[in-house]
N, C-alpha and C. Protein backbone atom coordinates (compact mmCIF):
# COMPACT_ATOMS: atom_id res chain seq x y z
N MET A 1 37.89 33.21 -14.08
CA MET A 1 37.87 31.76 -13.98
C MET A 1 36.41 31.32 -13.85
N LEU A 2 36.00 30.38 -14.66
CA LEU A 2 34.65 29.83 -14.60
C LEU A 2 34.65 28.59 -13.72
N THR A 3 33.55 28.36 -13.01
CA THR A 3 33.47 27.21 -12.12
C THR A 3 32.18 26.45 -12.31
N ALA A 4 32.24 25.17 -11.99
CA ALA A 4 31.06 24.31 -11.97
C ALA A 4 31.21 23.39 -10.78
N GLU A 5 30.09 23.14 -10.09
CA GLU A 5 30.12 22.28 -8.91
C GLU A 5 29.04 21.21 -9.01
N ALA A 6 29.33 20.08 -8.40
CA ALA A 6 28.35 19.00 -8.31
C ALA A 6 28.52 18.34 -6.95
N THR A 7 27.41 17.96 -6.37
CA THR A 7 27.41 17.24 -5.11
C THR A 7 26.70 15.92 -5.34
N VAL A 8 27.34 14.83 -4.93
CA VAL A 8 26.81 13.50 -5.14
C VAL A 8 26.57 12.85 -3.79
N ALA A 9 25.34 12.45 -3.53
CA ALA A 9 25.02 11.76 -2.28
C ALA A 9 25.43 10.29 -2.41
N THR A 10 26.34 9.87 -1.55
CA THR A 10 26.80 8.48 -1.55
C THR A 10 27.48 8.17 -0.23
N SER A 11 27.30 6.96 0.24
CA SER A 11 27.99 6.53 1.46
C SER A 11 29.41 6.06 1.16
N ARG A 12 29.78 6.05 -0.10
CA ARG A 12 31.11 5.61 -0.53
C ARG A 12 31.91 6.75 -1.15
N ALA A 13 31.77 7.93 -0.61
CA ALA A 13 32.40 9.11 -1.20
C ALA A 13 33.92 8.97 -1.28
N SER A 14 34.53 8.48 -0.21
CA SER A 14 35.99 8.33 -0.18
C SER A 14 36.46 7.33 -1.24
N ARG A 15 35.72 6.27 -1.40
CA ARG A 15 36.06 5.26 -2.40
C ARG A 15 36.01 5.85 -3.81
N TYR A 16 34.95 6.60 -4.11
CA TYR A 16 34.82 7.19 -5.44
C TYR A 16 35.87 8.27 -5.69
N LEU A 17 36.21 9.05 -4.67
CA LEU A 17 37.28 10.03 -4.80
C LEU A 17 38.58 9.34 -5.18
N THR A 18 38.91 8.28 -4.45
CA THR A 18 40.14 7.54 -4.72
C THR A 18 40.15 6.95 -6.12
N GLN A 19 39.04 6.34 -6.54
CA GLN A 19 38.97 5.75 -7.87
C GLN A 19 39.10 6.80 -8.97
N LEU A 20 38.42 7.91 -8.79
CA LEU A 20 38.46 8.97 -9.80
C LEU A 20 39.87 9.54 -9.94
N CYS A 21 40.51 9.81 -8.81
CA CYS A 21 41.87 10.38 -8.85
C CYS A 21 42.89 9.35 -9.32
N ARG A 22 42.73 8.10 -8.93
CA ARG A 22 43.65 7.06 -9.38
C ARG A 22 43.56 6.89 -10.90
N HIS A 23 42.35 6.93 -11.42
CA HIS A 23 42.16 6.84 -12.87
C HIS A 23 42.83 8.02 -13.57
N ALA A 24 42.65 9.21 -13.04
CA ALA A 24 43.27 10.39 -13.63
C ALA A 24 44.80 10.27 -13.61
N ASP A 25 45.34 9.76 -12.51
CA ASP A 25 46.79 9.60 -12.41
C ASP A 25 47.30 8.57 -13.42
N GLN A 26 46.56 7.49 -13.62
CA GLN A 26 46.95 6.51 -14.64
C GLN A 26 46.92 7.11 -16.03
N MET A 27 45.89 7.90 -16.31
CA MET A 27 45.78 8.55 -17.62
C MET A 27 46.92 9.55 -17.83
N ARG A 28 47.34 10.21 -16.76
CA ARG A 28 48.45 11.16 -16.85
C ARG A 28 49.74 10.42 -17.21
N ARG A 29 49.93 9.26 -16.60
CA ARG A 29 51.18 8.50 -16.84
C ARG A 29 51.25 7.89 -18.22
N ILE A 30 50.15 7.30 -18.68
CA ILE A 30 50.20 6.57 -19.95
C ILE A 30 49.63 7.35 -21.13
N GLY A 31 48.99 8.46 -20.87
CA GLY A 31 48.35 9.21 -21.95
C GLY A 31 46.95 8.69 -22.17
N HIS A 32 46.06 9.58 -22.50
CA HIS A 32 44.65 9.22 -22.68
C HIS A 32 44.36 8.96 -24.14
N ARG A 33 43.65 7.86 -24.42
CA ARG A 33 43.31 7.52 -25.81
C ARG A 33 41.98 8.16 -26.18
N THR A 34 41.79 8.45 -27.46
CA THR A 34 40.51 8.95 -27.93
C THR A 34 39.62 7.77 -28.27
N SER A 35 38.34 8.03 -28.42
CA SER A 35 37.41 6.95 -28.72
C SER A 35 37.60 6.45 -30.14
N ARG A 36 37.19 5.22 -30.39
CA ARG A 36 37.36 4.62 -31.72
C ARG A 36 36.42 5.21 -32.76
N ASN A 37 35.20 5.57 -32.32
CA ASN A 37 34.24 6.07 -33.31
C ASN A 37 34.45 7.54 -33.64
N GLY A 38 35.34 8.24 -32.91
CA GLY A 38 35.71 9.59 -33.27
C GLY A 38 34.70 10.67 -32.91
N ASP A 39 33.58 10.32 -32.25
CA ASP A 39 32.59 11.34 -31.93
C ASP A 39 32.85 12.00 -30.57
N GLU A 40 33.83 11.53 -29.85
CA GLU A 40 34.14 12.07 -28.54
C GLU A 40 35.11 13.24 -28.68
N GLN A 41 34.97 14.22 -27.79
CA GLN A 41 35.89 15.35 -27.80
C GLN A 41 37.27 14.88 -27.38
N MET A 42 38.28 15.66 -27.74
CA MET A 42 39.63 15.35 -27.32
C MET A 42 39.71 15.43 -25.80
N PRO A 43 40.34 14.47 -25.15
CA PRO A 43 40.44 14.50 -23.70
C PRO A 43 41.38 15.62 -23.24
N ALA A 44 41.15 16.07 -22.02
CA ALA A 44 41.99 17.12 -21.45
C ALA A 44 43.37 16.56 -21.13
N VAL A 45 44.38 17.40 -21.23
CA VAL A 45 45.74 17.00 -20.93
C VAL A 45 45.94 17.10 -19.42
N LEU A 46 46.33 15.98 -18.81
CA LEU A 46 46.53 15.92 -17.36
C LEU A 46 47.96 16.31 -17.01
N GLU A 47 48.11 17.18 -16.01
CA GLU A 47 49.44 17.61 -15.60
C GLU A 47 49.87 17.08 -14.24
N ARG A 48 48.93 17.04 -13.28
CA ARG A 48 49.31 16.64 -11.93
C ARG A 48 48.09 16.12 -11.18
N VAL A 49 48.29 15.09 -10.36
CA VAL A 49 47.21 14.51 -9.56
C VAL A 49 47.73 14.31 -8.13
N GLU A 50 46.98 14.82 -7.17
CA GLU A 50 47.28 14.62 -5.75
C GLU A 50 45.98 14.27 -5.05
N TYR A 51 46.03 13.27 -4.17
CA TYR A 51 44.80 12.91 -3.47
C TYR A 51 45.09 12.13 -2.20
N SER A 52 44.10 12.19 -1.30
CA SER A 52 44.07 11.38 -0.09
C SER A 52 42.68 10.76 -0.04
N SER A 53 42.30 10.19 1.07
CA SER A 53 40.97 9.59 1.15
C SER A 53 39.86 10.63 1.32
N THR A 54 40.22 11.89 1.62
CA THR A 54 39.19 12.91 1.83
C THR A 54 39.25 14.08 0.86
N ALA A 55 40.36 14.26 0.14
CA ALA A 55 40.48 15.40 -0.78
C ALA A 55 41.39 15.04 -1.94
N GLY A 56 41.10 15.63 -3.08
CA GLY A 56 41.92 15.38 -4.25
C GLY A 56 41.94 16.59 -5.16
N THR A 57 43.04 16.75 -5.90
CA THR A 57 43.18 17.82 -6.87
C THR A 57 43.77 17.23 -8.14
N VAL A 58 43.13 17.51 -9.25
CA VAL A 58 43.62 17.07 -10.55
C VAL A 58 43.82 18.32 -11.40
N ARG A 59 45.06 18.56 -11.79
CA ARG A 59 45.36 19.73 -12.61
C ARG A 59 45.44 19.31 -14.07
N PHE A 60 44.65 19.99 -14.88
CA PHE A 60 44.66 19.79 -16.33
C PHE A 60 45.35 20.99 -16.96
N ALA A 61 45.71 20.88 -18.22
CA ALA A 61 46.33 22.00 -18.93
C ALA A 61 45.37 23.18 -19.01
N ASP A 62 44.06 22.91 -19.06
CA ASP A 62 43.09 23.98 -19.23
C ASP A 62 42.12 24.11 -18.06
N GLY A 63 42.47 23.57 -16.88
CA GLY A 63 41.58 23.71 -15.73
C GLY A 63 42.02 22.87 -14.55
N MET A 64 41.16 22.83 -13.54
CA MET A 64 41.48 22.10 -12.32
C MET A 64 40.20 21.49 -11.75
N LEU A 65 40.37 20.29 -11.17
CA LEU A 65 39.28 19.61 -10.48
C LEU A 65 39.66 19.47 -9.01
N HIS A 66 38.76 19.90 -8.13
CA HIS A 66 38.92 19.71 -6.69
C HIS A 66 37.82 18.75 -6.24
N VAL A 67 38.19 17.71 -5.51
CA VAL A 67 37.23 16.71 -5.05
C VAL A 67 37.34 16.60 -3.53
N ARG A 68 36.20 16.56 -2.86
CA ARG A 68 36.16 16.39 -1.40
C ARG A 68 35.17 15.29 -1.07
N ALA A 69 35.55 14.47 -0.09
CA ALA A 69 34.69 13.38 0.36
C ALA A 69 34.36 13.58 1.83
N SER A 70 33.09 13.52 2.15
CA SER A 70 32.66 13.53 3.54
C SER A 70 31.98 12.19 3.79
N ARG A 71 31.36 12.05 4.92
CA ARG A 71 30.73 10.78 5.29
C ARG A 71 29.69 10.32 4.26
N ASP A 72 28.89 11.25 3.75
CA ASP A 72 27.80 10.86 2.84
C ASP A 72 27.71 11.72 1.58
N THR A 73 28.77 12.47 1.27
CA THR A 73 28.74 13.36 0.11
C THR A 73 30.09 13.42 -0.59
N LEU A 74 30.04 13.40 -1.91
CA LEU A 74 31.21 13.63 -2.74
C LEU A 74 30.97 14.97 -3.44
N THR A 75 31.87 15.91 -3.26
CA THR A 75 31.74 17.23 -3.86
C THR A 75 32.83 17.44 -4.89
N LEU A 76 32.44 17.84 -6.09
CA LEU A 76 33.37 18.09 -7.18
C LEU A 76 33.27 19.55 -7.59
N ARG A 77 34.41 20.18 -7.81
CA ARG A 77 34.44 21.58 -8.27
C ARG A 77 35.47 21.69 -9.38
N ILE A 78 35.01 22.17 -10.52
CA ILE A 78 35.89 22.36 -11.68
C ILE A 78 36.10 23.85 -11.89
N GLU A 79 37.33 24.23 -12.17
CA GLU A 79 37.67 25.60 -12.54
C GLU A 79 38.32 25.55 -13.91
N ALA A 80 37.89 26.41 -14.80
CA ALA A 80 38.45 26.46 -16.15
C ALA A 80 38.45 27.89 -16.66
N ALA A 81 39.31 28.17 -17.63
CA ALA A 81 39.45 29.52 -18.15
C ALA A 81 38.35 29.91 -19.12
N ASP A 82 37.75 28.94 -19.82
CA ASP A 82 36.73 29.27 -20.81
C ASP A 82 35.61 28.24 -20.81
N GLU A 83 34.51 28.56 -21.47
CA GLU A 83 33.32 27.70 -21.51
C GLU A 83 33.61 26.34 -22.13
N ASP A 84 34.35 26.31 -23.23
CA ASP A 84 34.64 25.05 -23.91
C ASP A 84 35.43 24.10 -23.00
N SER A 85 36.43 24.63 -22.33
CA SER A 85 37.23 23.80 -21.41
C SER A 85 36.37 23.31 -20.25
N LEU A 86 35.55 24.20 -19.71
CA LEU A 86 34.69 23.81 -18.59
C LEU A 86 33.73 22.70 -19.01
N ARG A 87 33.11 22.85 -20.16
CA ARG A 87 32.16 21.85 -20.66
C ARG A 87 32.85 20.51 -20.92
N ARG A 88 34.05 20.55 -21.50
CA ARG A 88 34.79 19.32 -21.79
C ARG A 88 35.16 18.60 -20.49
N LEU A 89 35.61 19.35 -19.49
CA LEU A 89 35.97 18.74 -18.21
C LEU A 89 34.73 18.19 -17.50
N GLN A 90 33.63 18.93 -17.53
CA GLN A 90 32.38 18.43 -16.93
C GLN A 90 31.95 17.12 -17.57
N ASN A 91 31.97 17.08 -18.89
CA ASN A 91 31.54 15.87 -19.60
C ASN A 91 32.44 14.68 -19.29
N GLY A 92 33.75 14.88 -19.35
CA GLY A 92 34.69 13.78 -19.11
C GLY A 92 34.65 13.28 -17.68
N ILE A 93 34.66 14.18 -16.72
CA ILE A 93 34.65 13.79 -15.31
C ILE A 93 33.30 13.16 -14.95
N GLY A 94 32.22 13.76 -15.43
CA GLY A 94 30.89 13.20 -15.17
C GLY A 94 30.73 11.81 -15.76
N ARG A 95 31.22 11.62 -16.98
CA ARG A 95 31.12 10.31 -17.63
C ARG A 95 31.91 9.26 -16.84
N ARG A 96 33.12 9.63 -16.39
CA ARG A 96 33.94 8.67 -15.64
C ARG A 96 33.31 8.34 -14.29
N LEU A 97 32.77 9.35 -13.60
CA LEU A 97 32.15 9.10 -12.30
C LEU A 97 30.90 8.22 -12.45
N ARG A 98 30.12 8.45 -13.49
CA ARG A 98 28.94 7.60 -13.71
C ARG A 98 29.36 6.17 -14.03
N THR A 99 30.48 5.99 -14.71
CA THR A 99 30.97 4.66 -15.03
C THR A 99 31.40 3.92 -13.77
N ILE A 100 32.22 4.56 -12.94
CA ILE A 100 32.69 3.86 -11.74
C ILE A 100 31.60 3.75 -10.68
N GLY A 101 30.56 4.59 -10.77
CA GLY A 101 29.48 4.52 -9.79
C GLY A 101 28.21 3.91 -10.33
N ARG A 102 28.31 3.11 -11.39
CA ARG A 102 27.10 2.56 -12.02
C ARG A 102 26.32 1.63 -11.10
N ARG A 103 26.99 0.90 -10.22
CA ARG A 103 26.27 0.00 -9.31
C ARG A 103 25.41 0.77 -8.32
N ASP A 104 25.92 1.92 -7.88
CA ASP A 104 25.16 2.75 -6.94
C ASP A 104 24.26 3.76 -7.66
N LYS A 105 24.29 3.75 -8.99
CA LYS A 105 23.48 4.66 -9.81
C LYS A 105 23.65 6.11 -9.36
N LEU A 106 24.91 6.54 -9.34
CA LEU A 106 25.21 7.90 -8.89
C LEU A 106 24.55 8.93 -9.80
N ALA A 107 23.95 9.93 -9.18
CA ALA A 107 23.33 11.04 -9.91
C ALA A 107 24.25 12.25 -9.80
N LEU A 108 24.55 12.85 -10.93
CA LEU A 108 25.49 13.96 -10.97
C LEU A 108 24.86 15.09 -11.77
N THR A 109 24.70 16.25 -11.13
CA THR A 109 24.17 17.43 -11.81
C THR A 109 25.10 18.59 -11.50
N TRP A 110 25.61 19.21 -12.56
CA TRP A 110 26.53 20.34 -12.39
C TRP A 110 25.75 21.62 -12.20
N GLY A 111 26.23 22.45 -11.29
CA GLY A 111 25.69 23.79 -11.07
C GLY A 111 26.78 24.81 -11.34
N ARG A 112 26.39 26.06 -11.54
CA ARG A 112 27.35 27.13 -11.86
C ARG A 112 27.30 28.22 -10.80
N PRO A 113 28.13 28.11 -9.75
CA PRO A 113 28.13 29.15 -8.73
C PRO A 113 28.64 30.50 -9.22
N ASP A 114 29.37 30.52 -10.34
CA ASP A 114 29.88 31.78 -10.88
C ASP A 114 28.81 32.54 -11.66
N MET A 115 27.68 31.92 -11.92
CA MET A 115 26.59 32.56 -12.65
C MET A 115 25.60 33.15 -11.65
N GLN A 116 25.92 34.30 -11.10
CA GLN A 116 25.07 34.96 -10.13
C GLN A 116 23.99 35.76 -10.85
N PRO A 117 22.78 35.80 -10.28
CA PRO A 117 21.72 36.60 -10.91
C PRO A 117 22.07 38.09 -10.86
N ASP A 118 21.53 38.83 -11.81
CA ASP A 118 21.76 40.26 -11.87
C ASP A 118 21.03 40.93 -10.72
N ARG A 119 21.77 41.49 -9.78
CA ARG A 119 21.16 42.10 -8.61
C ARG A 119 21.01 43.62 -8.76
N THR A 120 21.31 44.16 -9.94
CA THR A 120 21.19 45.60 -10.13
C THR A 120 19.74 46.01 -10.27
N ARG A 121 18.89 45.13 -10.80
CA ARG A 121 17.47 45.43 -10.93
C ARG A 121 16.73 44.74 -9.81
N SER A 122 15.86 45.45 -9.15
CA SER A 122 15.09 44.83 -8.08
C SER A 122 13.75 44.34 -8.61
N ALA A 123 13.28 43.25 -8.05
CA ALA A 123 12.00 42.68 -8.45
C ALA A 123 10.87 43.50 -7.84
N PRO A 124 9.73 43.56 -8.50
CA PRO A 124 8.62 44.29 -7.92
C PRO A 124 8.19 43.64 -6.60
N THR A 125 7.75 44.45 -5.67
CA THR A 125 7.37 43.94 -4.36
C THR A 125 5.86 44.04 -4.16
N THR A 126 5.12 43.29 -4.92
CA THR A 126 3.67 43.25 -4.77
C THR A 126 3.29 42.13 -3.82
N ARG A 127 2.23 42.36 -3.09
CA ARG A 127 1.75 41.34 -2.16
C ARG A 127 1.06 40.22 -2.92
N THR A 128 1.31 38.99 -2.52
CA THR A 128 0.68 37.83 -3.15
C THR A 128 0.18 36.89 -2.07
N ARG A 129 -0.72 36.03 -2.45
CA ARG A 129 -1.19 34.98 -1.56
C ARG A 129 -1.04 33.65 -2.29
N HIS A 130 -0.60 32.65 -1.57
CA HIS A 130 -0.52 31.31 -2.13
C HIS A 130 -0.53 30.31 -0.99
N ARG A 131 -0.46 29.05 -1.34
CA ARG A 131 -0.48 27.99 -0.33
C ARG A 131 0.92 27.41 -0.15
N ASN A 132 1.26 27.08 1.08
CA ASN A 132 2.56 26.45 1.33
C ASN A 132 2.46 24.95 1.09
N ARG A 133 3.47 24.21 1.43
CA ARG A 133 3.50 22.76 1.16
C ARG A 133 2.41 22.01 1.89
N ARG A 134 1.98 22.53 3.02
CA ARG A 134 0.92 21.85 3.79
C ARG A 134 -0.47 22.30 3.36
N GLY A 135 -0.55 23.18 2.37
CA GLY A 135 -1.84 23.62 1.88
C GLY A 135 -2.39 24.82 2.62
N GLU A 136 -1.64 25.39 3.53
CA GLU A 136 -2.10 26.55 4.29
C GLU A 136 -1.88 27.82 3.47
N ARG A 137 -2.79 28.76 3.59
CA ARG A 137 -2.63 30.03 2.88
C ARG A 137 -1.51 30.82 3.52
N VAL A 138 -0.67 31.39 2.68
CA VAL A 138 0.47 32.17 3.15
C VAL A 138 0.46 33.50 2.42
N ARG A 139 0.71 34.56 3.16
CA ARG A 139 0.83 35.88 2.55
C ARG A 139 2.30 36.21 2.50
N GLY A 140 2.80 36.62 1.37
CA GLY A 140 4.22 36.93 1.24
C GLY A 140 4.45 38.04 0.25
N VAL A 141 5.68 38.35 0.02
CA VAL A 141 6.06 39.38 -0.93
C VAL A 141 6.60 38.69 -2.17
N ALA A 142 6.15 39.12 -3.33
CA ALA A 142 6.62 38.51 -4.59
C ALA A 142 8.12 38.65 -4.67
N GLY A 143 8.78 37.58 -5.09
CA GLY A 143 10.23 37.57 -5.18
C GLY A 143 10.89 37.11 -3.90
N SER A 144 10.11 36.86 -2.86
CA SER A 144 10.69 36.39 -1.60
C SER A 144 10.72 34.87 -1.59
N ALA A 145 11.26 34.31 -0.55
CA ALA A 145 11.36 32.85 -0.44
C ALA A 145 9.99 32.22 -0.30
N LEU A 146 9.00 33.01 0.12
CA LEU A 146 7.66 32.44 0.30
C LEU A 146 6.87 32.37 -0.99
N SER A 147 7.21 33.18 -1.95
CA SER A 147 6.42 33.20 -3.18
C SER A 147 6.87 32.13 -4.15
N PRO A 148 5.95 31.62 -4.97
CA PRO A 148 6.35 30.57 -5.94
C PRO A 148 7.24 31.17 -7.00
N SER A 149 8.16 30.35 -7.52
CA SER A 149 9.07 30.85 -8.54
C SER A 149 8.57 30.63 -9.91
């Protein structure tokens, strides 16, 4: 299963969760229309929507969306079986969230927690010197949190 996550800073997280899930539930009931100009991908088929003011789950035929709202953060997690489905869900959900959050100018960036770096090869451990954020010289090990990336 492939996953993508996004965290959105907003003081209206519960409101956006409710709007996003309510929209999905309406689309499930009436069916989703495609765009008139035909350049949009086919929308995902919605199967089930459940939500409260703090958590929501939207089940699609080819994946699932989990949404959580805290005091100042909206967290979205998509699970899908393949890259195409994941990309389609990311695009559709991201587009809808940007639409309903346009007044607050919500910023949404997807990350891939399932894409872990290859830990079988170790990075060389040579000593380096550089400056930290305050301009002080710092001695660290290359590949560590202290060294520049």
